């Protein structure tokens, strides 16, 4: 049933918790399910809780590798401070529009 939420999606904004390794480890499987339903839509990976960088469970090299593997952009974000939150949505919007114009 949860896959029904992905039908008609134009993009993916995926959020992982920088202080929780399991969130990064599981994101690939989630991307696979979304893309099986929605197709090869553009995506942004938001690595949240950047305000807690001292407690990070993984580093920027690992997030960069995950983004490369998933074929998406990546931004360090913080919902607490607002760091790059708006930029994540703007970037996804730009990618969606660019894809639509290319079709």
PDB file of N, CA and C in Angstrom:
ATOM      1  N   UNK A   1       0.814  -1.197   0.000  1.00  0.00           N
ATOM      2  CA  UNK A   1       0.000   0.000   0.000  1.00  0.00           C
ATOM      3  C   UNK A   1       0.853   1.256   0.000  1.00  0.00           C
ATOM      4  N   UNK A   2       1.969   1.262   0.746  1.00  0.00           N
ATOM      5  CA  UNK A   2       2.781   2.468   0.840  1.00  0.00           C
ATOM      6  C   UNK A   2       3.309   2.922  -0.515  1.00  0.00           C
ATOM      7  N   UNK A   3       3.512   1.990  -1.441  1.00  0.00           N
ATOM      8  CA  UNK A   3       4.004   2.359  -2.757  1.00  0.00           C
ATOM      9  C   UNK A   3       3.029   3.271  -3.497  1.00  0.00           C
ATOM     10  N   UNK A   4       1.752   3.203  -3.165  1.00  0.00           N
ATOM     11  CA  UNK A   4       0.743   4.043  -3.814  1.00  0.00           C
ATOM     12  C   UNK A   4       1.053   5.519  -3.637  1.00  0.00           C
ATOM     13  N   UNK A   5       1.731   5.873  -2.579  1.00  0.00           N
ATOM     14  CA  UNK A   5       2.081   7.276  -2.351  1.00  0.00           C
ATOM     15  C   UNK A   5       3.052   7.813  -3.394  1.00  0.00           C
ATOM     16  N   UNK A   6       3.770   6.946  -4.059  1.00  0.00           N
ATOM     17  CA  UNK A   6       4.802   7.371  -4.998  1.00  0.00           C
ATOM     18  C   UNK A   6       4.301   7.550  -6.425  1.00  0.00           C
ATOM     19  N   UNK A   7       3.111   7.055  -6.743  1.00  0.00           N
ATOM     20  CA  UNK A   7       2.583   7.194  -8.102  1.00  0.00           C
ATOM     21  C   UNK A   7       2.436   8.661  -8.453  1.00  0.00           C
ATOM     22  N   UNK A   8       2.930   9.035  -9.621  1.00  0.00           N
ATOM     23  CA  UNK A   8       2.825  10.407 -10.092  1.00  0.00           C
ATOM     24  C   UNK A   8       3.853  11.351  -9.511  1.00  0.00           C
ATOM     25  N   UNK A   9       4.788  10.851  -8.719  1.00  0.00           N
ATOM     26  CA  UNK A   9       5.827  11.714  -8.144  1.00  0.00           C
ATOM     27  C   UNK A   9       6.709  12.274  -9.249  1.00  0.00           C
ATOM     28  N   UNK A  10       7.034  13.550  -9.143  1.00  0.00           N
ATOM     29  CA  UNK A  10       7.915  14.205 -10.111  1.00  0.00           C
ATOM     30  C   UNK A  10       9.339  14.317  -9.607  1.00  0.00           C
ATOM     31  N   UNK A  11       9.545  14.051  -8.329  1.00  0.00           N
ATOM     32  CA  UNK A  11      10.877  14.150  -7.743  1.00  0.00           C
ATOM     33  C   UNK A  11      10.901  13.525  -6.368  1.00  0.00           C
ATOM     34  N   UNK A  12      12.110  13.382  -5.846  1.00  0.00           N
ATOM     35  CA  UNK A  12      12.313  12.778  -4.532  1.00  0.00           C
ATOM     36  C   UNK A  12      13.117  13.738  -3.666  1.00  0.00           C
ATOM     37  N   UNK A  13      12.597  14.045  -2.497  1.00  0.00           N
ATOM     38  CA  UNK A  13      13.375  14.734  -1.476  1.00  0.00           C
ATOM     39  C   UNK A  13      13.502  13.754  -0.320  1.00  0.00           C
ATOM     40  N   UNK A  14      14.655  13.115  -0.242  1.00  0.00           N
ATOM     41  CA  UNK A  14      14.898  12.108   0.789  1.00  0.00           C
ATOM     42  C   UNK A  14      15.709  12.738   1.911  1.00  0.00           C
ATOM     43  N   UNK A  15      15.339  12.431   3.136  1.00  0.00           N
ATOM     44  CA  UNK A  15      16.021  13.002   4.301  1.00  0.00           C
ATOM     45  C   UNK A  15      16.604  11.879   5.143  1.00  0.00           C
ATOM     46  N   UNK A  16      17.886  12.008   5.461  1.00  0.00           N
ATOM     47  CA  UNK A  16      18.524  11.090   6.387  1.00  0.00           C
ATOM     48  C   UNK A  16      18.998  11.889   7.600  1.00  0.00           C
ATOM     49  N   UNK A  17      19.125  11.212   8.710  1.00  0.00           N
ATOM     50  CA  UNK A  17      19.532  11.801   9.985  1.00  0.00           C
ATOM     51  C   UNK A  17      21.037  11.595  10.150  1.00  0.00           C
ATOM     52  N   UNK A  18      21.781  12.687  10.176  1.00  0.00           N
ATOM     53  CA  UNK A  18      23.241  12.599  10.246  1.00  0.00           C
ATOM     54  C   UNK A  18      23.728  11.910  11.524  1.00  0.00           C
ATOM     55  N   UNK A  19      22.887  11.855  12.541  1.00  0.00           N
ATOM     56  CA  UNK A  19      23.283  11.218  13.800  1.00  0.00           C
ATOM     57  C   UNK A  19      22.809   9.768  13.901  1.00  0.00           C
ATOM     58  N   UNK A  20      22.232   9.256  12.806  1.00  0.00           N
ATOM     59  CA  UNK A  20      21.662   7.906  12.814  1.00  0.00           C
ATOM     60  C   UNK A  20      22.144   7.150  11.578  1.00  0.00           C
ATOM     61  N   UNK A  21      23.111   6.302  11.740  1.00  0.00           N
ATOM     62  CA  UNK A  21      23.716   5.567  10.632  1.00  0.00           C
ATOM     63  C   UNK A  21      22.685   4.745   9.850  1.00  0.00           C
ATOM     64  N   UNK A  22      21.733   4.162  10.557  1.00  0.00           N
ATOM     65  CA  UNK A  22      20.738   3.315   9.905  1.00  0.00           C
ATOM     66  C   UNK A  22      19.926   4.093   8.872  1.00  0.00           C
ATOM     67  N   UNK A  23      19.736   5.384   9.090  1.00  0.00           N
ATOM     68  CA  UNK A  23      18.963   6.168   8.117  1.00  0.00           C
ATOM     69  C   UNK A  23      19.689   6.248   6.780  1.00  0.00           C
ATOM     70  N   UNK A  24      21.003   6.360   6.800  1.00  0.00           N
ATOM     71  CA  UNK A  24      21.772   6.382   5.554  1.00  0.00           C
ATOM     72  C   UNK A  24      21.848   4.984   4.946  1.00  0.00           C
ATOM     73  N   UNK A  25      22.033   3.989   5.786  1.00  0.00           N
ATOM     74  CA  UNK A  25      22.150   2.613   5.291  1.00  0.00           C
ATOM     75  C   UNK A  25      20.876   2.147   4.592  1.00  0.00           C
ATOM     76  N   UNK A  26      19.714   2.625   5.024  1.00  0.00           N
ATOM     77  CA  UNK A  26      18.446   2.173   4.460  1.00  0.00           C
ATOM     78  C   UNK A  26      17.911   2.992   3.308  1.00  0.00           C
ATOM     79  N   UNK A  27      18.557   4.096   2.987  1.00  0.00           N
ATOM     80  CA  UNK A  27      17.988   4.998   1.979  1.00  0.00           C
ATOM     81  C   UNK A  27      18.028   4.404   0.568  1.00  0.00           C
ATOM     82  N   UNK A  28      18.992   3.573   0.279  1.00  0.00           N
ATOM     83  CA  UNK A  28      19.091   2.972  -1.050  1.00  0.00           C
ATOM     84  C   UNK A  28      17.891   2.103  -1.381  1.00  0.00           C
ATOM     85  N   UNK A  29      17.467   1.308  -0.411  1.00  0.00           N
ATOM     86  CA  UNK A  29      16.297   0.448  -0.614  1.00  0.00           C
ATOM     87  C   UNK A  29      15.041   1.287  -0.833  1.00  0.00           C
ATOM     88  N   UNK A  30      14.912   2.366  -0.077  1.00  0.00           N
ATOM     89  CA  UNK A  30      13.756   3.260  -0.225  1.00  0.00           C
ATOM     90  C   UNK A  30      13.753   3.908  -1.611  1.00  0.00           C
ATOM     91  N   UNK A  31      14.931   4.375  -2.085  1.00  0.00           N
ATOM     92  CA  UNK A  31      15.048   4.955  -3.425  1.00  0.00           C
ATOM     93  C   UNK A  31      14.623   3.947  -4.484  1.00  0.00           C
ATOM     94  N   UNK A  32      15.036   2.706  -4.324  1.00  0.00           N
ATOM     95  CA  UNK A  32      14.685   1.665  -5.285  1.00  0.00           C
ATOM     96  C   UNK A  32      13.171   1.528  -5.404  1.00  0.00           C
ATOM     97  N   UNK A  33      12.482   1.481  -4.285  1.00  0.00           N
ATOM     98  CA  UNK A  33      11.024   1.354  -4.295  1.00  0.00           C
ATOM     99  C   UNK A  33      10.383   2.567  -4.966  1.00  0.00           C
ATOM    100  N   UNK A  34      10.820   3.766  -4.607  1.00  0.00           N
ATOM    101  CA  UNK A  34      10.240   4.979  -5.196  1.00  0.00           C
ATOM    102  C   UNK A  34      10.456   4.990  -6.701  1.00  0.00           C
ATOM    103  N   UNK A  35      11.654   4.698  -7.135  1.00  0.00           N
ATOM    104  CA  UNK A  35      11.949   4.758  -8.571  1.00  0.00           C
ATOM    105  C   UNK A  35      11.297   3.629  -9.345  1.00  0.00           C
ATOM    106  N   UNK A  36      11.032   2.494  -8.712  1.00  0.00           N
ATOM    107  CA  UNK A  36      10.271   1.435  -9.387  1.00  0.00           C
ATOM    108  C   UNK A  36       8.856   1.914  -9.697  1.00  0.00           C
ATOM    109  N   UNK A  37       8.300   2.740  -8.830  1.00  0.00           N
ATOM    110  CA  UNK A  37       6.941   3.244  -9.009  1.00  0.00           C
ATOM    111  C   UNK A  37       6.922   4.513  -9.850  1.00  0.00           C
ATOM    112  N   UNK A  38       7.793   5.464  -9.531  1.00  0.00           N
ATOM    113  CA  UNK A  38       7.745   6.795 -10.154  1.00  0.00           C
ATOM    114  C   UNK A  38       8.631   6.921 -11.387  1.00  0.00           C
ATOM    115  N   UNK A  39       9.561   6.010 -11.560  1.00  0.00           N
ATOM    116  CA  UNK A  39      10.495   6.111 -12.674  1.00  0.00           C
ATOM    117  C   UNK A  39      11.735   6.888 -12.280  1.00  0.00           C
ATOM    118  N   UNK A  40      12.562   7.225 -13.258  1.00  0.00           N
ATOM    119  CA  UNK A  40      13.848   7.876 -12.972  1.00  0.00           C
ATOM    120  C   UNK A  40      13.689   9.384 -12.716  1.00  0.00           C
ATOM    121  N   UNK A  41      12.988   9.735 -11.653  1.00  0.00           N
ATOM    122  CA  UNK A  41      12.746  11.143 -11.333  1.00  0.00           C
ATOM    123  C   UNK A  41      13.962  11.744 -10.633  1.00  0.00           C
ATOM    124  N   UNK A  42      14.150  13.056 -10.742  1.00  0.00           N
ATOM    125  CA  UNK A  42      15.266  13.705 -10.060  1.00  0.00           C
ATOM    126  C   UNK A  42      15.119  13.622  -8.548  1.00  0.00           C
ATOM    127  N   UNK A  43      16.254  13.732  -7.860  1.00  0.00           N
ATOM    128  CA  UNK A  43      16.235  13.569  -6.407  1.00  0.00           C
ATOM    129  C   UNK A  43      17.279  14.438  -5.729  1.00  0.00           C
ATOM    130  N   UNK A  44      16.976  14.780  -4.494  1.00  0.00           N
ATOM    131  CA  UNK A  44      17.901  15.481  -3.611  1.00  0.00           C
ATOM    132  C   UNK A  44      17.936  14.706  -2.295  1.00  0.00           C
ATOM    133  N   UNK A  45      19.125  14.460  -1.806  1.00  0.00           N
ATOM    134  CA  UNK A  45      19.320  13.814  -0.517  1.00  0.00           C
ATOM    135  C   UNK A  45      19.685  14.892   0.494  1.00  0.00           C
ATOM    136  N   UNK A  46      18.816  15.112   1.471  1.00  0.00           N
ATOM    137  CA  UNK A  46      19.057  16.085   2.529  1.00  0.00           C
ATOM    138  C   UNK A  46      19.609  15.337   3.741  1.00  0.00           C
ATOM    139  N   UNK A  47      20.815  15.694   4.135  1.00  0.00           N
ATOM    140  CA  UNK A  47      21.445  15.082   5.307  1.00  0.00           C
ATOM    141  C   UNK A  47      21.171  16.024   6.472  1.00  0.00           C
ATOM    142  N   UNK A  48      20.155  15.695   7.259  1.00  0.00           N
ATOM    143  CA  UNK A  48      19.648  16.584   8.291  1.00  0.00           C
ATOM    144  C   UNK A  48      20.427  16.460   9.603  1.00  0.00           C
ATOM    145  N   UNK A  49      20.201  17.406  10.466  1.00  0.00           N
ATOM    146  CA  UNK A  49      20.849  17.544  11.777  1.00  0.00           C
ATOM    147  C   UNK A  49      22.314  17.934  11.632  1.00  0.00           C
ATOM    148  N   UNK A  50      22.611  18.763  10.643  1.00  0.00           N
ATOM    149  CA  UNK A  50      23.975  19.238  10.486  1.00  0.00           C
ATOM    150  C   UNK A  50      24.397  20.104  11.674  1.00  0.00           C
ATOM    151  N   UNK A  51      23.431  20.626  12.419  1.00  0.00           N
ATOM    152  CA  UNK A  51      23.746  21.380  13.636  1.00  0.00           C
ATOM    153  C   UNK A  51      24.352  20.477  14.714  1.00  0.00           C
ATOM    154  N   UNK A  52      24.238  19.172  14.545  1.00  0.00           N
ATOM    155  CA  UNK A  52      24.806  18.202  15.482  1.00  0.00           C
ATOM    156  C   UNK A  52      26.001  17.476  14.861  1.00  0.00           C
ATOM    157  N   UNK A  53      26.789  18.200  14.072  1.00  0.00           N
ATOM    158  CA  UNK A  53      27.911  17.592  13.346  1.00  0.00           C
ATOM    159  C   UNK A  53      28.877  16.863  14.271  1.00  0.00           C
ATOM    160  N   UNK A  54      29.037  17.344  15.494  1.00  0.00           N
ATOM    161  CA  UNK A  54      29.945  16.685  16.439  1.00  0.00           C
ATOM    162  C   UNK A  54      29.450  15.293  16.821  1.00  0.00           C
ATOM    163  N   UNK A  55      28.170  15.023  16.626  1.00  0.00           N
ATOM    164  CA  UNK A  55      27.590  13.728  16.957  1.00  0.00           C
ATOM    165  C   UNK A  55      27.307  12.893  15.707  1.00  0.00           C
ATOM    166  N   UNK A  56      27.875  13.285  14.578  1.00  0.00           N
ATOM    167  CA  UNK A  56      27.609  12.618  13.306  1.00  0.00           C
ATOM    168  C   UNK A  56      27.991  11.147  13.348  1.00  0.00           C
ATOM    169  N   UNK A  57      27.116  10.324  12.789  1.00  0.00           N
ATOM    170  CA  UNK A  57      27.368   8.889  12.705  1.00  0.00           C
ATOM    171  C   UNK A  57      28.048   8.507  11.392  1.00  0.00           C
ATOM    172  N   UNK A  58      28.132   9.465  10.469  1.00  0.00           N
ATOM    173  CA  UNK A  58      28.817   9.247   9.193  1.00  0.00           C
ATOM    174  C   UNK A  58      29.268  10.600   8.661  1.00  0.00           C
ATOM    175  N   UNK A  59      30.214  10.566   7.743  1.00  0.00           N
ATOM    176  CA  UNK A  59      30.815  11.797   7.248  1.00  0.00           C
ATOM    177  C   UNK A  59      30.368  12.185   5.853  1.00  0.00           C
ATOM    178  N   UNK A  60      30.927  13.289   5.399  1.00  0.00           N
ATOM    179  CA  UNK A  60      30.554  13.809   4.085  1.00  0.00           C
ATOM    180  C   UNK A  60      31.022  12.897   2.954  1.00  0.00           C
ATOM    181  N   UNK A  61      32.117  12.177   3.161  1.00  0.00           N
ATOM    182  CA  UNK A  61      32.566  11.239   2.124  1.00  0.00           C
ATOM    183  C   UNK A  61      31.522  10.150   1.910  1.00  0.00           C
ATOM    184  N   UNK A  62      30.936   9.668   2.994  1.00  0.00           N
ATOM    185  CA  UNK A  62      29.912   8.623   2.886  1.00  0.00           C
ATOM    186  C   UNK A  62      28.623   9.157   2.262  1.00  0.00           C
ATOM    187  N   UNK A  63      28.264  10.384   2.586  1.00  0.00           N
ATOM    188  CA  UNK A  63      27.056  10.953   1.974  1.00  0.00           C
ATOM    189  C   UNK A  63      27.283  11.218   0.500  1.00  0.00           C
ATOM    190  N   UNK A  64      28.480  11.650   0.161  1.00  0.00           N
ATOM    191  CA  UNK A  64      28.805  11.854  -1.249  1.00  0.00           C
ATOM    192  C   UNK A  64      28.757  10.557  -2.036  1.00  0.00           C
ATOM    193  N   UNK A  65      29.263   9.498  -1.443  1.00  0.00           N
ATOM    194  CA  UNK A  65      29.219   8.179  -2.095  1.00  0.00           C
ATOM    195  C   UNK A  65      27.784   7.707  -2.249  1.00  0.00           C
ATOM    196  N   UNK A  66      26.972   7.896  -1.220  1.00  0.00           N
ATOM    197  CA  UNK A  66      25.559   7.506  -1.310  1.00  0.00           C
ATOM    198  C   UNK A  66      24.861   8.299  -2.409  1.00  0.00           C
ATOM    199  N   UNK A  67      25.106   9.584  -2.491  1.00  0.00           N
ATOM    200  CA  UNK A  67      24.489  10.430  -3.524  1.00  0.00           C
ATOM    201  C   UNK A  67      24.931   9.987  -4.918  1.00  0.00           C
ATOM    202  N   UNK A  68      26.196   9.660  -5.064  1.00  0.00           N
ATOM    203  CA  UNK A  68      26.697   9.187  -6.367  1.00  0.00           C
ATOM    204  C   UNK A  68      26.010   7.883  -6.756  1.00  0.00           C
ATOM    205  N   UNK A  69      25.918   6.966  -5.803  1.00  0.00           N
ATOM    206  CA  UNK A  69      25.286   5.671  -6.047  1.00  0.00           C
ATOM    207  C   UNK A  69      23.804   5.830  -6.400  1.00  0.00           C
ATOM    208  N   UNK A  70      23.138   6.767  -5.745  1.00  0.00           N
ATOM    209  CA  UNK A  70      21.708   6.980  -5.952  1.00  0.00           C
ATOM    210  C   UNK A  70      21.409   7.912  -7.117  1.00  0.00           C
ATOM    211  N   UNK A  71      22.434   8.572  -7.638  1.00  0.00           N
ATOM    212  CA  UNK A  71      22.243   9.495  -8.752  1.00  0.00           C
ATOM    213  C   UNK A  71      21.469  10.735  -8.348  1.00  0.00           C
ATOM    214  N   UNK A  72      21.869  11.342  -7.239  1.00  0.00           N
ATOM    215  CA  UNK A  72      21.139  12.512  -6.762  1.00  0.00           C
ATOM    216  C   UNK A  72      22.092  13.563  -6.209  1.00  0.00           C
ATOM    217  N   UNK A  73      21.557  14.766  -6.023  1.00  0.00           N
ATOM    218  CA  UNK A  73      22.285  15.833  -5.359  1.00  0.00           C
ATOM    219  C   UNK A  73      22.228  15.592  -3.853  1.00  0.00           C
ATOM    220  N   UNK A  74      23.137  16.207  -3.121  1.00  0.00           N
ATOM    221  CA  UNK A  74      23.137  16.080  -1.661  1.00  0.00           C
ATOM    222  C   UNK A  74      23.388  17.444  -1.035  1.00  0.00           C
ATOM    223  N   UNK A  75      22.686  17.716   0.052  1.00  0.00           N
ATOM    224  CA  UNK A  75      22.873  18.951   0.812  1.00  0.00           C
ATOM    225  C   UNK A  75      22.868  18.627   2.296  1.00  0.00           C
ATOM    226  N   UNK A  76      23.767  19.254   3.041  1.00  0.00           N
ATOM    227  CA  UNK A  76      23.728  19.173   4.488  1.00  0.00           C
ATOM    228  C   UNK A  76      22.689  20.169   4.974  1.00  0.00           C
ATOM    229  N   UNK A  77      21.763  19.721   5.810  1.00  0.00           N
ATOM    230  CA  UNK A  77      20.672  20.572   6.253  1.00  0.00           C
ATOM    231  C   UNK A  77      20.514  20.511   7.773  1.00  0.00           C
ATOM    232  N   UNK A  78      19.759  21.469   8.285  1.00  0.00           N
ATOM    233  CA  UNK A  78      19.369  21.456   9.687  1.00  0.00           C
ATOM    234  C   UNK A  78      17.968  22.028   9.798  1.00  0.00           C
ATOM    235  N   UNK A  79      17.022  21.208  10.183  1.00  0.00           N
ATOM    236  CA  UNK A  79      15.666  21.692  10.403  1.00  0.00           C
ATOM    237  C   UNK A  79      15.641  22.640  11.600  1.00  0.00           C
ATOM    238  N   UNK A  80      16.532  22.440  12.542  1.00  0.00           N
ATOM    239  CA  UNK A  80      16.583  23.282  13.732  1.00  0.00           C
ATOM    240  C   UNK A  80      17.016  24.703  13.400  1.00  0.00           C
ATOM    241  N   UNK A  81      18.078  24.850  12.605  1.00  0.00           N
ATOM    242  CA  UNK A  81      18.598  26.189  12.284  1.00  0.00           C
ATOM    243  C   UNK A  81      18.063  26.715  10.958  1.00  0.00           C
ATOM    244  N   UNK A  82      17.501  25.832  10.144  1.00  0.00           N
ATOM    245  CA  UNK A  82      17.021  26.217   8.819  1.00  0.00           C
ATOM    246  C   UNK A  82      18.079  26.121   7.738  1.00  0.00           C
ATOM    247  N   UNK A  83      19.281  25.712   8.092  1.00  0.00           N
ATOM    248  CA  UNK A  83      20.385  25.622   7.142  1.00  0.00           C
ATOM    249  C   UNK A  83      20.020  24.749   5.939  1.00  0.00           C
ATOM    250  N   UNK A  84      20.052  25.335   4.762  1.00  0.00           N
ATOM    251  CA  UNK A  84      19.844  24.659   3.477  1.00  0.00           C
ATOM    252  C   UNK A  84      18.493  23.975   3.298  1.00  0.00           C
ATOM    253  N   UNK A  85      17.545  24.182   4.198  1.00  0.00           N
ATOM    254  CA  UNK A  85      16.233  23.550   4.046  1.00  0.00           C
ATOM    255  C   UNK A  85      15.529  24.115   2.820  1.00  0.00           C
ATOM    256  N   UNK A  86      15.446  25.424   2.734  1.00  0.00           N
ATOM    257  CA  UNK A  86      14.820  26.041   1.568  1.00  0.00           C
ATOM    258  C   UNK A  86      15.589  25.688   0.298  1.00  0.00           C
ATOM    259  N   UNK A  87      16.907  25.678   0.390  1.00  0.00           N
ATOM    260  CA  UNK A  87      17.742  25.361  -0.771  1.00  0.00           C
ATOM    261  C   UNK A  87      17.471  23.943  -1.271  1.00  0.00           C
ATOM    262  N   UNK A  88      17.205  22.999  -0.380  1.00  0.00           N
ATOM    263  CA  UNK A  88      16.904  21.622  -0.793  1.00  0.00           C
ATOM    264  C   UNK A  88      15.647  21.590  -1.652  1.00  0.00           C
ATOM    265  N   UNK A  89      14.607  22.307  -1.209  1.00  0.00           N
ATOM    266  CA  UNK A  89      13.373  22.354  -1.996  1.00  0.00           C
ATOM    267  C   UNK A  89      13.579  23.094  -3.310  1.00  0.00           C
ATOM    268  N   UNK A  90      14.328  24.188  -3.270  1.00  0.00           N
ATOM    269  CA  UNK A  90      14.613  24.939  -4.505  1.00  0.00           C
ATOM    270  C   UNK A  90      15.373  24.077  -5.506  1.00  0.00           C
ATOM    271  N   UNK A  91      16.374  23.356  -5.023  1.00  0.00           N
ATOM    272  CA  UNK A  91      17.175  22.511  -5.914  1.00  0.00           C
ATOM    273  C   UNK A  91      16.321  21.411  -6.535  1.00  0.00           C
ATOM    274  N   UNK A  92      15.482  20.785  -5.731  1.00  0.00           N
ATOM    275  CA  UNK A  92      14.605  19.750  -6.280  1.00  0.00           C
ATOM    276  C   UNK A  92      13.659  20.358  -7.303  1.00  0.00           C
ATOM    277  N   UNK A  93      13.093  21.519  -7.010  1.00  0.00           N
ATOM    278  CA  UNK A  93      12.214  22.194  -7.966  1.00  0.00           C
ATOM    279  C   UNK A  93      12.929  22.490  -9.266  1.00  0.00           C
ATOM    280  N   UNK A  94      14.165  22.986  -9.185  1.00  0.00           N
ATOM    281  CA  UNK A  94      14.953  23.263 -10.387  1.00  0.00           C
ATOM    282  C   UNK A  94      15.164  21.994 -11.210  1.00  0.00           C
ATOM    283  N   UNK A  95      15.488  20.894 -10.528  1.00  0.00           N
ATOM    284  CA  UNK A  95      15.722  19.630 -11.227  1.00  0.00           C
ATOM    285  C   UNK A  95      14.453  19.108 -11.896  1.00  0.00           C
ATOM    286  N   UNK A  96      13.334  19.230 -11.225  1.00  0.00           N
ATOM    287  CA  UNK A  96      12.046  18.775 -11.778  1.00  0.00           C
ATOM    288  C   UNK A  96      11.683  19.603 -13.010  1.00  0.00           C
ATOM    289  N   UNK A  97      11.823  20.925 -12.911  1.00  0.00           N
ATOM    290  CA  UNK A  97      11.500  21.796 -14.050  1.00  0.00           C
ATOM    291  C   UNK A  97      12.416  21.497 -15.222  1.00  0.00           C
ATOM    292  N   UNK A  98      13.709  21.363 -14.948  1.00  0.00           N
ATOM    293  CA  UNK A  98      14.676  21.082 -16.018  1.00  0.00           C
ATOM    294  C   UNK A  98      14.330  19.762 -16.722  1.00  0.00           C
ATOM    295  N   UNK A  99      13.960  18.757 -15.936  1.00  0.00           N
ATOM    296  CA  UNK A  99      13.583  17.457 -16.523  1.00  0.00           C
ATOM    297  C   UNK A  99      12.344  17.600 -17.384  1.00  0.00           C
ATOM    298  N   UNK A 100      11.351  18.348 -16.909  1.00  0.00           N
ATOM    299  CA  UNK A 100      10.117  18.538 -17.669  1.00  0.00           C
ATOM    300  C   UNK A 100      10.381  19.275 -18.979  1.00  0.00           C
ATOM    301  N   UNK A 101      11.266  20.257 -18.941  1.00  0.00           N
ATOM    302  CA  UNK A 101      11.596  21.002 -20.151  1.00  0.00           C
ATOM    303  C   UNK A 101      12.342  20.136 -21.159  1.00  0.00           C
ATOM    304  N   UNK A 102      13.085  19.167 -20.664  1.00  0.00           N
ATOM    305  CA  UNK A 102      13.882  18.289 -21.533  1.00  0.00           C
ATOM    306  C   UNK A 102      13.020  17.216 -22.193  1.00  0.00           C
ATOM    307  N   UNK A 103      11.838  16.955 -21.636  1.00  0.00           N
ATOM    308  CA  UNK A 103      10.990  15.888 -22.181  1.00  0.00           C
ATOM    309  C   UNK A 103      10.291  16.305 -23.447  1.00  0.00           C
TER     310      UNK A 103
END
